[in-house]
Amino acid sequence: MRACYEAGPTGYVLYWQLTQLGVECAVVAPTLVPVKAGDRVKTDRRDAEKLARNHRSDDLTAVWVPDEGSEALRDLVWAREAAKQDQLRTRHRLSKFLLRTGRRPAMGLKAWTERYLTWVQQIHFSQPAQEFTLLDYLHEVQHMDERVKRLEQAIAEAVKWASPQVQEVIRGLQALRGVAHLSAVTIAAELGNISRFESARKLMGYSGAVPSEDSSGKRQRRGNITKTGNAHLRRIAVESAWSYRFRPAIGPRLRQRQEGVPEEIAWKAQIRLHKRYWKLMAAGKDKQKIITAVGRELLGFVWAIGIKAETAGKPQMTA
């Protein structure tokens, strides 16, 4: 018996239930389902018939389905990212309130440090309403800081229960400059099995960091990046790419992360991406576009390290 359904907000629970019952199930990528240009009628019945016909003729593209452990780790990583976004919003509310009321920190006092929060706690207003507003904003900032720390501790504990392959990938990725523990966990959670990508180019395309193109004959036209991919992976790659502006070097923190991990690929990444950055800078390219290009090439090194780490993390067969 065969079955299929489109990937959506319901997740993979139905897939896991059907496979446990012995049903061969495929989760279909909705954007890759063939659609007729003149078909403007959409109902559940017509969608089901269309999926059945395309599934019978093997015209559907199935997505990779993670196991329950990988999906649980990804949910936890997403919860931490949501907490970071909420933390930024609460900090903005407090800082803009202080700006409106003319309260500015002293020169050299870095925002959101312990000294900064101590200074905020010492602020008082003549109006009780403003006092209540300040206390509420400050309480939310402290609450979000505790929430982020709690989730980061939970991620560290969850990694200990992950499969040996995932743990090996996380350790290997931390050898890259700009990829610390949380970034490595995010990449591993989003990609799952890196070996499913046939080449580094496939991984770059999956991230949506490749330029769009509309070429025909001798005419070549390339535009902005497609962004039709994994936004979490693309964000990590772009953020990490900023580290390659600096001259190749291994600092104390990076040296500590590379202990017991092969660092040959990571060192090649530093040399190549640093040269790439300054070559594009010398050509007068926009800095954000340069960082995006460097982040795209960084994913190639992520693919190489991931393939090597997954091979090392596989259980060895004994005679």
Protein backbone atom coordinates (compact mmCIF):
# COMPACT_ATOMS: atom_id res chain seq x y z
CA MET A 1 0.00 0.00 0.00
CA ARG A 2 1.29 3.46 -0.94
CA ALA A 3 0.25 6.87 0.32
CA CYS A 4 1.43 10.47 0.14
CA TYR A 5 0.51 13.89 1.47
CA GLU A 6 1.85 17.42 1.12
CA ALA A 7 4.25 18.73 3.73
CA GLY A 8 2.64 21.42 5.85
CA PRO A 9 2.03 22.66 9.38
CA THR A 10 0.89 19.22 10.55
CA GLY A 11 4.48 17.98 10.55
CA TYR A 12 5.47 14.34 10.20
CA VAL A 13 3.20 12.68 12.77
CA LEU A 14 1.01 11.13 10.07
CA TYR A 15 4.10 9.83 8.25
CA TRP A 16 5.42 8.13 11.39
CA GLN A 17 2.01 6.57 12.12
CA LEU A 18 1.61 5.20 8.59
CA THR A 19 5.14 3.77 8.45
CA GLN A 20 4.54 2.01 11.77
CA LEU A 21 1.47 0.40 10.20
CA GLY A 22 3.56 -0.82 7.26
CA VAL A 23 2.28 1.73 4.75
CA GLU A 24 4.79 3.13 2.26
CA CYS A 25 4.31 6.88 2.71
CA ALA A 26 5.92 9.87 1.00
CA VAL A 27 5.81 13.48 2.20
CA VAL A 28 5.60 15.65 -0.90
CA ALA A 29 7.13 19.09 -1.41
CA PRO A 30 4.10 21.34 -2.15
CA THR A 31 6.04 23.80 -4.33
CA LEU A 32 7.22 20.99 -6.63
CA VAL A 33 3.78 19.53 -7.36
CA PRO A 34 3.01 19.93 -11.11
CA VAL A 35 0.29 22.52 -11.71
CA LYS A 36 -1.50 23.29 -14.98
CA ALA A 37 -1.44 26.97 -15.93
CA GLY A 38 -5.18 27.07 -16.67
CA ASP A 39 -6.30 25.16 -13.58
CA ARG A 40 -7.98 27.77 -11.34
CA VAL A 41 -10.28 25.48 -9.35
CA LYS A 42 -8.88 24.18 -6.09
CA THR A 43 -10.75 21.86 -3.73
CA ASP A 44 -9.68 19.10 -1.37
CA ARG A 45 -11.14 16.44 -3.66
CA ARG A 46 -9.35 17.78 -6.76
CA ASP A 47 -6.08 18.12 -4.82
CA ALA A 48 -6.34 14.51 -3.63
CA GLU A 49 -7.02 13.24 -7.15
CA LYS A 50 -4.12 15.27 -8.55
CA LEU A 51 -1.73 13.93 -5.89
CA ALA A 52 -2.89 10.36 -6.56
CA ARG A 53 -2.33 10.66 -10.34
CA ASN A 54 1.08 12.31 -9.94
CA HIS A 55 2.14 9.84 -7.28
CA ARG A 56 1.19 6.91 -9.52
CA SER A 57 3.28 8.35 -12.38
CA ASP A 58 6.21 9.21 -10.04
CA ASP A 59 5.99 12.94 -10.85
CA LEU A 60 6.18 14.04 -7.20
CA THR A 61 9.27 15.07 -5.26
CA ALA A 62 9.47 13.69 -1.74
CA VAL A 63 11.15 15.64 1.05
CA TRP A 64 13.55 14.14 3.54
CA VAL A 65 11.73 13.12 6.72
CA PRO A 66 13.70 13.30 9.97
CA ASP A 67 13.30 10.83 12.78
CA GLU A 68 11.57 11.84 15.98
CA GLY A 69 14.85 12.63 17.76
CA SER A 70 16.04 15.01 15.03
CA GLU A 71 12.64 16.67 14.87
CA ALA A 72 12.63 17.16 18.65
CA LEU A 73 16.07 18.80 18.57
CA ARG A 74 14.98 21.10 15.76
CA ASP A 75 11.88 22.14 17.72
CA LEU A 76 14.09 23.05 20.66
CA VAL A 77 16.42 25.08 18.43
CA TRP A 78 13.43 26.91 16.95
CA ALA A 79 12.15 27.67 20.46
CA ARG A 80 15.50 29.25 21.30
CA GLU A 81 15.44 31.35 18.11
CA ALA A 82 11.92 32.55 18.96
CA ALA A 83 13.12 33.46 22.45
CA LYS A 84 16.01 35.47 20.98
CA GLN A 85 13.56 37.40 18.79
CA ASP A 86 11.32 38.10 21.79
CA GLN A 87 14.38 39.16 23.79
CA LEU A 88 15.31 41.69 21.09
CA ARG A 89 11.79 43.12 21.08
CA THR A 90 11.69 43.57 24.86
CA ARG A 91 15.11 45.24 24.85
CA HIS A 92 13.96 47.62 22.10
CA ARG A 93 10.88 48.57 24.11
CA LEU A 94 12.96 49.38 27.17
CA SER A 95 15.67 51.28 25.31
CA LYS A 96 13.14 53.37 23.35
CA PHE A 97 11.26 54.18 26.55
CA LEU A 98 14.47 55.42 28.16
CA LEU A 99 15.27 57.42 25.02
CA ARG A 100 11.83 59.10 25.05
CA THR A 101 12.21 60.08 28.69
CA GLY A 102 15.72 61.48 28.25
CA ARG A 103 17.54 58.77 30.22
CA ARG A 104 20.89 58.00 28.59
CA PRO A 105 23.71 55.87 29.99
CA ALA A 106 27.16 57.28 30.63
CA MET A 107 29.80 57.16 27.92
CA GLY A 108 31.50 53.77 27.72
CA LEU A 109 28.65 51.88 29.37
CA LYS A 110 27.88 48.99 27.04
CA ALA A 111 24.21 48.16 26.60
CA TRP A 112 22.68 45.04 28.16
CA THR A 113 25.62 44.23 30.39
CA GLU A 114 25.22 43.72 34.14
CA ARG A 115 26.45 47.28 34.76
CA TYR A 116 23.87 48.60 32.29
CA LEU A 117 21.00 46.75 33.96
CA THR A 118 22.21 47.98 37.36
CA TRP A 119 22.08 51.53 36.01
CA VAL A 120 18.53 50.98 34.70
CA GLN A 121 17.40 49.70 38.11
CA GLN A 122 18.62 52.92 39.73
CA ILE A 123 16.47 55.14 37.47
CA HIS A 124 13.44 56.77 39.12
CA PHE A 125 10.65 58.96 37.76
CA SER A 126 8.49 61.57 39.41
CA GLN A 127 5.36 60.12 37.76
CA PRO A 128 4.12 56.80 39.23
CA ALA A 129 2.85 55.69 35.81
CA GLN A 130 6.35 55.92 34.37
CA GLU A 131 7.73 54.02 37.36
CA PHE A 132 5.32 51.16 36.67
CA THR A 133 6.19 51.23 32.97
CA LEU A 134 9.92 51.02 33.68
CA LEU A 135 9.46 48.15 36.14
CA ASP A 136 7.34 46.20 33.66
CA TYR A 137 9.81 46.66 30.79
CA LEU A 138 12.74 45.76 33.02
CA HIS A 139 10.97 42.67 34.33
CA GLU A 140 10.29 41.47 30.77
CA VAL A 141 13.93 41.96 29.78
CA GLN A 142 15.14 39.95 32.76
CA HIS A 143 12.51 37.27 32.12
CA MET A 144 13.60 36.89 28.47
CA ASP A 145 17.27 36.70 29.49
CA GLU A 146 16.44 33.84 31.85
CA ARG A 147 14.34 32.14 29.16
CA VAL A 148 17.18 32.22 26.61
CA LYS A 149 19.67 30.83 29.15
CA ARG A 150 17.23 28.07 30.10
CA LEU A 151 16.72 27.02 26.49
CA GLU A 152 20.46 27.08 25.75
CA GLN A 153 21.05 24.77 28.71
CA ALA A 154 18.28 22.50 27.42
CA ILE A 155 19.94 22.39 23.98
CA ALA A 156 23.26 21.40 25.56
CA GLU A 157 21.50 18.54 27.41
CA ALA A 158 19.58 17.45 24.30
CA VAL A 159 22.80 17.17 22.28
CA LYS A 160 24.07 14.61 24.80
CA TRP A 161 21.09 12.37 23.91
CA ALA A 162 21.50 12.79 20.16
CA SER A 163 22.82 10.03 17.90
CA PRO A 164 26.62 9.57 17.59
CA GLN A 165 26.49 10.84 14.00
CA VAL A 166 24.80 14.09 15.00
CA GLN A 167 27.23 14.60 17.87
CA GLU A 168 30.18 14.02 15.53
CA VAL A 169 28.79 16.52 13.02
CA ILE A 170 28.32 19.14 15.74
CA ARG A 171 31.90 18.67 16.97
CA GLY A 172 33.27 18.79 13.44
CA LEU A 173 31.41 21.97 12.45
CA GLN A 174 32.75 23.84 15.47
CA ALA A 175 36.22 23.66 13.89
CA LEU A 176 35.02 26.32 11.44
CA ARG A 177 35.66 29.93 12.30
CA GLY A 178 32.45 31.70 13.24
CA VAL A 179 30.58 28.46 14.00
CA ALA A 180 30.30 27.95 17.74
CA HIS A 181 28.21 25.36 19.59
CA LEU A 182 24.74 26.83 19.05
CA SER A 183 25.42 27.56 15.37
CA ALA A 184 26.70 24.01 14.86
CA VAL A 185 23.63 22.56 16.58
CA THR A 186 21.34 24.69 14.41
CA ILE A 187 23.05 23.54 11.21
CA ALA A 188 22.95 19.88 12.28
CA ALA A 189 19.28 20.13 13.30
CA GLU A 190 18.24 21.83 10.05
CA LEU A 191 20.19 19.55 7.71
CA GLY A 192 19.71 16.25 9.50
CA ASN A 193 21.49 13.73 7.30
CA ILE A 194 24.03 15.78 5.31
CA SER A 195 24.89 12.77 3.16
CA ARG A 196 21.52 13.14 1.41
CA PHE A 197 23.03 16.07 -0.53
CA GLU A 198 24.94 14.74 -3.52
CA SER A 199 27.25 17.73 -3.70
CA ALA A 200 28.04 21.03 -2.03
CA ARG A 201 26.10 22.85 -4.75
CA LYS A 202 22.96 20.94 -3.77
CA LEU A 203 23.38 22.14 -0.19
CA MET A 204 23.89 25.74 -1.34
CA GLY A 205 20.70 25.51 -3.38
CA TYR A 206 18.83 24.06 -0.39
CA SER A 207 19.78 27.14 1.63
CA GLY A 208 18.36 29.52 -0.96
CA ALA A 209 21.64 31.47 -1.05
CA VAL A 210 22.25 30.94 -4.78
CA PRO A 211 21.50 33.78 -7.23
CA SER A 212 18.37 33.62 -9.34
CA GLU A 213 18.85 33.42 -13.10
CA ASP A 214 16.82 34.15 -16.22
CA SER A 215 19.11 33.32 -19.16
CA SER A 216 18.35 32.30 -22.70
CA GLY A 217 20.76 31.87 -25.60
CA LYS A 218 23.56 34.41 -25.37
CA ARG A 219 21.64 36.54 -22.89
CA GLN A 220 22.59 35.94 -19.25
CA ARG A 221 20.70 37.64 -16.47
CA ARG A 222 21.32 36.89 -12.78
CA GLY A 223 19.43 38.50 -9.96
CA ASN A 224 19.18 38.38 -6.20
CA ILE A 225 19.47 35.17 -4.25
CA THR A 226 16.42 32.95 -4.53
CA LYS A 227 15.66 32.68 -0.78
CA THR A 228 13.60 29.61 -1.70
CA GLY A 229 15.23 27.40 0.88
CA ASN A 230 15.95 26.92 4.54
CA ALA A 231 15.98 30.39 6.10
CA HIS A 232 17.48 29.19 9.40
CA LEU A 233 20.46 27.63 7.63
CA ARG A 234 20.93 30.70 5.42
CA ARG A 235 20.93 33.02 8.44
CA ILE A 236 23.60 31.00 10.25
CA ALA A 237 25.80 30.90 7.12
CA VAL A 238 25.58 34.65 6.56
CA GLU A 239 26.20 35.49 10.22
CA SER A 240 29.24 33.18 10.33
CA ALA A 241 30.61 34.66 7.10
CA TRP A 242 31.38 37.96 8.84
CA SER A 243 34.24 36.23 10.70
CA TYR A 244 36.18 35.74 7.48
CA ARG A 245 36.83 39.45 7.05
CA PHE A 246 39.77 39.03 9.39
CA ARG A 247 43.16 37.51 8.62
CA PRO A 248 43.29 33.71 9.02
CA ALA A 249 44.19 32.85 12.60
CA ILE A 250 43.31 30.40 15.37
CA GLY A 251 42.41 32.15 18.60
CA PRO A 252 42.07 30.59 22.06
CA ARG A 253 38.35 29.82 21.73
CA LEU A 254 38.68 28.32 18.25
CA ARG A 255 41.70 26.28 19.35
CA GLN A 256 39.66 24.91 22.24
CA ARG A 257 36.81 23.93 19.89
CA GLN A 258 39.24 22.20 17.53
CA GLU A 259 40.70 19.90 20.19
CA GLY A 260 40.34 16.31 19.00
CA VAL A 261 38.72 17.42 15.72
CA PRO A 262 40.39 17.39 12.27
CA GLU A 263 40.91 21.04 11.35
CA GLU A 264 42.40 20.75 7.84
CA ILE A 265 39.13 21.65 6.08
CA ALA A 266 38.46 24.48 8.52
CA TRP A 267 41.89 26.01 7.87
CA LYS A 268 41.38 25.78 4.11
CA ALA A 269 38.05 27.55 4.63
CA GLN A 270 39.74 30.43 6.46
CA ILE A 271 42.32 30.95 3.73
CA ARG A 272 39.91 30.65 0.78
CA LEU A 273 37.03 32.68 2.22
CA HIS A 274 39.31 35.46 3.50
CA LYS A 275 40.84 35.81 0.03
CA ARG A 276 37.39 35.68 -1.51
CA TYR A 277 36.11 38.47 0.73
CA TRP A 278 38.96 40.88 -0.01
CA LYS A 279 38.99 40.06 -3.72
CA LEU A 280 35.34 41.05 -3.97
CA MET A 281 35.98 44.13 -1.83
CA ALA A 282 38.74 45.21 -4.21
CA ALA A 283 36.29 44.78 -7.09
CA GLY A 284 33.97 47.31 -5.43
CA LYS A 285 31.11 44.95 -4.67
CA ASP A 286 28.47 45.73 -2.07
CA LYS A 287 29.52 44.47 1.36
CA GLN A 288 26.25 42.65 2.09
CA LYS A 289 26.45 40.85 -1.26
CA ILE A 290 30.05 39.89 -0.48
CA ILE A 291 29.04 38.41 2.87
CA THR A 292 26.24 36.48 1.20
CA ALA A 293 28.69 35.08 -1.37
CA VAL A 294 31.15 34.11 1.37
CA GLY A 295 28.36 32.48 3.37
CA ARG A 296 27.31 30.48 0.30
CA GLU A 297 30.85 29.16 -0.14
CA LEU A 298 31.05 28.46 3.59
CA LEU A 299 28.21 25.98 3.13
CA GLY A 300 30.49 24.03 0.80
CA PHE A 301 32.94 23.52 3.66
CA VAL A 302 30.02 22.66 5.95
CA TRP A 303 29.06 19.93 3.49
CA ALA A 304 32.63 18.56 3.36
CA ILE A 305 32.98 18.48 7.15
CA GLY A 306 29.50 16.99 7.57
CA ILE A 307 30.17 14.15 5.13
CA LYS A 308 33.44 13.33 6.86
CA ALA A 309 31.92 13.54 10.35
CA GLU A 310 28.94 11.34 9.48
CA THR A 311 31.26 8.69 8.09
CA ALA A 312 33.33 8.79 11.28
CA GLY A 313 30.19 8.63 13.45
CA LYS A 314 28.74 5.52 11.80
CA PRO A 315 28.89 2.40 13.97
CA GLN A 316 31.65 0.07 12.83
CA MET A 317 30.64 -3.40 11.67
CA THR A 318 32.31 -6.19 13.62
CA ALA A 319 33.00 -9.63 12.22
